[in-house]
């Protein structure tokens, strides 16, 4: 999957649903080797951890506050949780 956190266009419910479907396909395919958090427990733990610290992510990488768009934050979190430690 080529989508990176904070890529424009991941800001609607429909695009988040498509992202989730793509993540499921990715986890079932050869791209799963790139994931560090492949169990539900590890993925959800990383998802919660990333969401807890996401203000620093946005500040450090984009010099901005957490976006107001909840779908954008969720999309970023879903992508980041693949490898977040």
N, C-alpha and C. Protein backbone atom coordinates (compact mmCIF):
# COMPACT_ATOMS: atom_id res chain seq x y z
N UNK A 1 0.85 -1.17 0.00
CA UNK A 1 0.00 0.00 0.00
C UNK A 1 0.89 1.24 0.00
N UNK A 2 0.59 2.17 -0.86
CA UNK A 2 1.42 3.36 -0.99
C UNK A 2 0.96 4.52 -0.13
N UNK A 3 -0.18 4.39 0.53
CA UNK A 3 -0.71 5.49 1.32
C UNK A 3 0.15 5.70 2.56
N UNK A 4 0.52 6.94 2.78
CA UNK A 4 1.32 7.29 3.94
C UNK A 4 0.47 8.09 4.91
N UNK A 5 0.82 8.09 6.21
CA UNK A 5 0.07 8.91 7.14
C UNK A 5 -0.01 10.36 6.67
N UNK A 6 -1.16 10.94 6.89
CA UNK A 6 -1.47 12.33 6.55
C UNK A 6 -1.51 12.61 5.06
N UNK A 7 -1.63 11.58 4.25
CA UNK A 7 -1.79 11.82 2.81
C UNK A 7 -3.15 12.48 2.59
N UNK A 8 -3.19 13.53 1.81
CA UNK A 8 -4.47 14.19 1.55
C UNK A 8 -5.47 13.21 0.95
N UNK A 9 -6.71 13.39 1.27
CA UNK A 9 -7.75 12.56 0.69
C UNK A 9 -8.28 11.47 1.60
N UNK A 10 -7.64 11.27 2.75
CA UNK A 10 -8.13 10.26 3.69
C UNK A 10 -8.96 10.94 4.77
N UNK A 11 -9.94 11.70 4.34
CA UNK A 11 -10.65 12.53 5.31
C UNK A 11 -12.15 12.30 5.37
N UNK A 12 -12.63 11.23 4.73
CA UNK A 12 -14.05 10.94 4.79
C UNK A 12 -14.27 9.52 5.30
N UNK A 13 -15.46 9.26 5.75
CA UNK A 13 -15.80 7.92 6.23
C UNK A 13 -15.58 6.90 5.13
N UNK A 14 -15.97 7.24 3.92
CA UNK A 14 -15.83 6.31 2.79
C UNK A 14 -14.37 5.97 2.51
N UNK A 15 -13.50 6.96 2.58
CA UNK A 15 -12.08 6.67 2.31
C UNK A 15 -11.46 5.88 3.45
N UNK A 16 -11.93 6.08 4.67
CA UNK A 16 -11.42 5.27 5.79
C UNK A 16 -11.87 3.82 5.63
N UNK A 17 -13.10 3.60 5.20
CA UNK A 17 -13.57 2.24 4.95
C UNK A 17 -12.71 1.58 3.88
N UNK A 18 -12.42 2.29 2.80
CA UNK A 18 -11.56 1.75 1.75
C UNK A 18 -10.15 1.47 2.27
N UNK A 19 -9.66 2.34 3.13
CA UNK A 19 -8.34 2.12 3.74
C UNK A 19 -8.34 0.84 4.57
N UNK A 20 -9.38 0.64 5.37
CA UNK A 20 -9.46 -0.57 6.19
C UNK A 20 -9.49 -1.80 5.31
N UNK A 21 -10.27 -1.76 4.25
CA UNK A 21 -10.32 -2.89 3.32
C UNK A 21 -8.94 -3.15 2.71
N UNK A 22 -8.22 -2.09 2.37
CA UNK A 22 -6.88 -2.24 1.80
C UNK A 22 -5.91 -2.80 2.83
N UNK A 23 -6.05 -2.39 4.08
CA UNK A 23 -5.17 -2.92 5.14
C UNK A 23 -5.43 -4.41 5.36
N UNK A 24 -6.68 -4.82 5.31
CA UNK A 24 -7.01 -6.25 5.43
C UNK A 24 -6.37 -7.02 4.28
N UNK A 25 -6.51 -6.52 3.07
CA UNK A 25 -5.89 -7.19 1.91
C UNK A 25 -4.37 -7.24 2.07
N UNK A 26 -3.80 -6.14 2.54
CA UNK A 26 -2.35 -6.10 2.72
C UNK A 26 -1.90 -7.13 3.74
N UNK A 27 -2.64 -7.23 4.84
CA UNK A 27 -2.27 -8.18 5.89
C UNK A 27 -2.40 -9.63 5.44
N UNK A 28 -3.26 -9.86 4.47
CA UNK A 28 -3.43 -11.22 3.93
C UNK A 28 -2.42 -11.54 2.83
N UNK A 29 -1.71 -10.56 2.34
CA UNK A 29 -0.78 -10.76 1.22
C UNK A 29 0.67 -10.67 1.64
N UNK A 30 1.55 -10.60 0.66
CA UNK A 30 2.99 -10.55 0.94
C UNK A 30 3.41 -9.28 1.68
N UNK A 31 2.60 -8.22 1.60
CA UNK A 31 2.95 -6.99 2.30
C UNK A 31 2.89 -7.15 3.81
N UNK A 32 2.27 -8.23 4.28
CA UNK A 32 2.18 -8.47 5.72
C UNK A 32 3.56 -8.57 6.36
N UNK A 33 4.56 -8.94 5.56
CA UNK A 33 5.93 -9.04 6.09
C UNK A 33 6.45 -7.67 6.55
N UNK A 34 5.85 -6.60 6.04
CA UNK A 34 6.27 -5.25 6.42
C UNK A 34 5.63 -4.80 7.73
N UNK A 35 4.62 -5.51 8.18
CA UNK A 35 3.92 -5.16 9.41
C UNK A 35 4.71 -5.66 10.61
N UNK A 36 4.78 -4.86 11.65
CA UNK A 36 5.37 -5.32 12.90
C UNK A 36 4.30 -5.79 13.88
N UNK A 37 3.08 -5.33 13.70
CA UNK A 37 1.98 -5.63 14.62
C UNK A 37 0.90 -6.42 13.90
N UNK A 38 1.09 -7.74 13.80
CA UNK A 38 0.19 -8.56 13.01
C UNK A 38 -0.92 -9.21 13.83
N UNK A 39 -0.76 -9.30 15.14
CA UNK A 39 -1.85 -9.85 15.95
C UNK A 39 -2.80 -8.72 16.33
N UNK A 40 -4.03 -9.08 16.61
CA UNK A 40 -5.02 -8.07 17.00
C UNK A 40 -4.54 -7.34 18.25
N UNK A 41 -3.99 -8.07 19.20
CA UNK A 41 -3.52 -7.45 20.44
C UNK A 41 -2.43 -6.43 20.16
N UNK A 42 -1.42 -6.82 19.40
CA UNK A 42 -0.31 -5.91 19.10
C UNK A 42 -0.77 -4.71 18.28
N UNK A 43 -1.65 -4.94 17.31
CA UNK A 43 -2.14 -3.86 16.47
C UNK A 43 -2.95 -2.86 17.29
N UNK A 44 -3.86 -3.37 18.11
CA UNK A 44 -4.69 -2.47 18.92
C UNK A 44 -3.86 -1.74 19.96
N UNK A 45 -2.86 -2.40 20.51
CA UNK A 45 -1.96 -1.75 21.46
C UNK A 45 -1.21 -0.61 20.77
N UNK A 46 -0.73 -0.86 19.57
CA UNK A 46 -0.02 0.17 18.80
C UNK A 46 -0.98 1.30 18.39
N UNK A 47 -2.19 0.94 18.02
CA UNK A 47 -3.19 1.94 17.64
C UNK A 47 -3.47 2.89 18.80
N UNK A 48 -3.67 2.33 19.98
CA UNK A 48 -3.90 3.17 21.17
C UNK A 48 -2.69 4.01 21.52
N UNK A 49 -1.50 3.41 21.41
CA UNK A 49 -0.28 4.15 21.69
C UNK A 49 -0.07 5.30 20.73
N UNK A 50 -0.31 5.05 19.45
CA UNK A 50 -0.13 6.12 18.46
C UNK A 50 -1.13 7.23 18.70
N UNK A 51 -2.38 6.87 18.96
CA UNK A 51 -3.39 7.91 19.21
C UNK A 51 -3.06 8.73 20.46
N UNK A 52 -2.50 8.07 21.47
CA UNK A 52 -2.11 8.80 22.69
C UNK A 52 -1.02 9.82 22.42
N UNK A 53 -0.12 9.49 21.51
CA UNK A 53 1.01 10.37 21.24
C UNK A 53 0.95 11.11 19.93
N UNK A 54 -0.20 11.10 19.27
CA UNK A 54 -0.27 11.66 17.91
C UNK A 54 -0.04 13.17 17.86
N UNK A 55 -0.26 13.88 18.93
CA UNK A 55 0.00 15.33 18.90
C UNK A 55 1.47 15.58 18.59
N UNK A 56 2.35 14.78 19.15
CA UNK A 56 3.77 14.91 18.86
C UNK A 56 4.10 14.57 17.42
N UNK A 57 3.42 13.57 16.86
CA UNK A 57 3.62 13.18 15.46
C UNK A 57 3.30 14.35 14.53
N UNK A 58 2.14 14.95 14.75
CA UNK A 58 1.73 16.07 13.88
C UNK A 58 2.62 17.29 14.10
N UNK A 59 3.00 17.55 15.34
CA UNK A 59 3.84 18.70 15.61
C UNK A 59 5.24 18.51 15.01
N UNK A 60 5.81 17.33 15.21
CA UNK A 60 7.18 17.06 14.74
C UNK A 60 7.27 16.96 13.21
N UNK A 61 6.33 16.27 12.60
CA UNK A 61 6.40 16.02 11.15
C UNK A 61 5.76 17.09 10.28
N UNK A 62 4.79 17.81 10.82
CA UNK A 62 4.03 18.75 10.00
C UNK A 62 3.92 20.14 10.61
N UNK A 63 4.50 20.33 11.78
CA UNK A 63 4.43 21.62 12.47
C UNK A 63 2.99 22.12 12.55
N UNK A 64 2.11 21.22 12.98
CA UNK A 64 0.70 21.57 13.10
C UNK A 64 0.09 20.85 14.29
N UNK A 65 -1.06 21.33 14.73
CA UNK A 65 -1.81 20.65 15.77
C UNK A 65 -2.51 19.44 15.17
N UNK A 66 -3.08 18.63 16.04
CA UNK A 66 -3.85 17.47 15.58
C UNK A 66 -4.99 17.98 14.70
N UNK A 67 -5.20 17.38 13.53
CA UNK A 67 -6.28 17.83 12.65
C UNK A 67 -7.64 17.76 13.33
N UNK A 68 -8.54 18.60 12.90
CA UNK A 68 -9.91 18.58 13.42
C UNK A 68 -10.71 17.41 12.86
N UNK A 69 -10.30 16.91 11.70
CA UNK A 69 -11.05 15.86 11.01
C UNK A 69 -10.75 14.50 11.64
N UNK A 70 -11.75 13.94 12.32
CA UNK A 70 -11.57 12.66 13.00
C UNK A 70 -11.24 11.53 12.03
N UNK A 71 -11.78 11.58 10.82
CA UNK A 71 -11.48 10.53 9.83
C UNK A 71 -10.01 10.58 9.44
N UNK A 72 -9.45 11.78 9.32
CA UNK A 72 -8.02 11.91 8.99
C UNK A 72 -7.16 11.32 10.10
N UNK A 73 -7.50 11.62 11.35
CA UNK A 73 -6.75 11.08 12.48
C UNK A 73 -6.86 9.56 12.51
N UNK A 74 -8.06 9.04 12.32
CA UNK A 74 -8.25 7.59 12.31
C UNK A 74 -7.46 6.94 11.19
N UNK A 75 -7.49 7.51 10.00
CA UNK A 75 -6.73 6.96 8.88
C UNK A 75 -5.24 6.94 9.19
N UNK A 76 -4.73 8.04 9.73
CA UNK A 76 -3.32 8.09 10.10
C UNK A 76 -2.98 7.04 11.15
N UNK A 77 -3.87 6.89 12.14
CA UNK A 77 -3.63 5.93 13.21
C UNK A 77 -3.66 4.50 12.69
N UNK A 78 -4.59 4.18 11.82
CA UNK A 78 -4.68 2.83 11.27
C UNK A 78 -3.42 2.47 10.49
N UNK A 79 -2.89 3.41 9.75
CA UNK A 79 -1.67 3.16 8.98
C UNK A 79 -0.47 3.05 9.93
N UNK A 80 -0.37 3.98 10.86
CA UNK A 80 0.78 4.00 11.76
C UNK A 80 0.84 2.76 12.65
N UNK A 81 -0.32 2.22 13.03
CA UNK A 81 -0.36 1.07 13.94
C UNK A 81 0.25 -0.18 13.34
N UNK A 82 0.45 -0.21 12.03
CA UNK A 82 1.11 -1.38 11.43
C UNK A 82 2.52 -1.56 11.97
N UNK A 83 3.19 -0.47 12.25
CA UNK A 83 4.60 -0.57 12.64
C UNK A 83 4.95 0.20 13.90
N UNK A 84 3.99 0.89 14.51
CA UNK A 84 4.26 1.71 15.69
C UNK A 84 4.65 0.85 16.87
N UNK A 85 5.66 1.28 17.60
CA UNK A 85 6.08 0.54 18.81
C UNK A 85 5.97 1.44 20.01
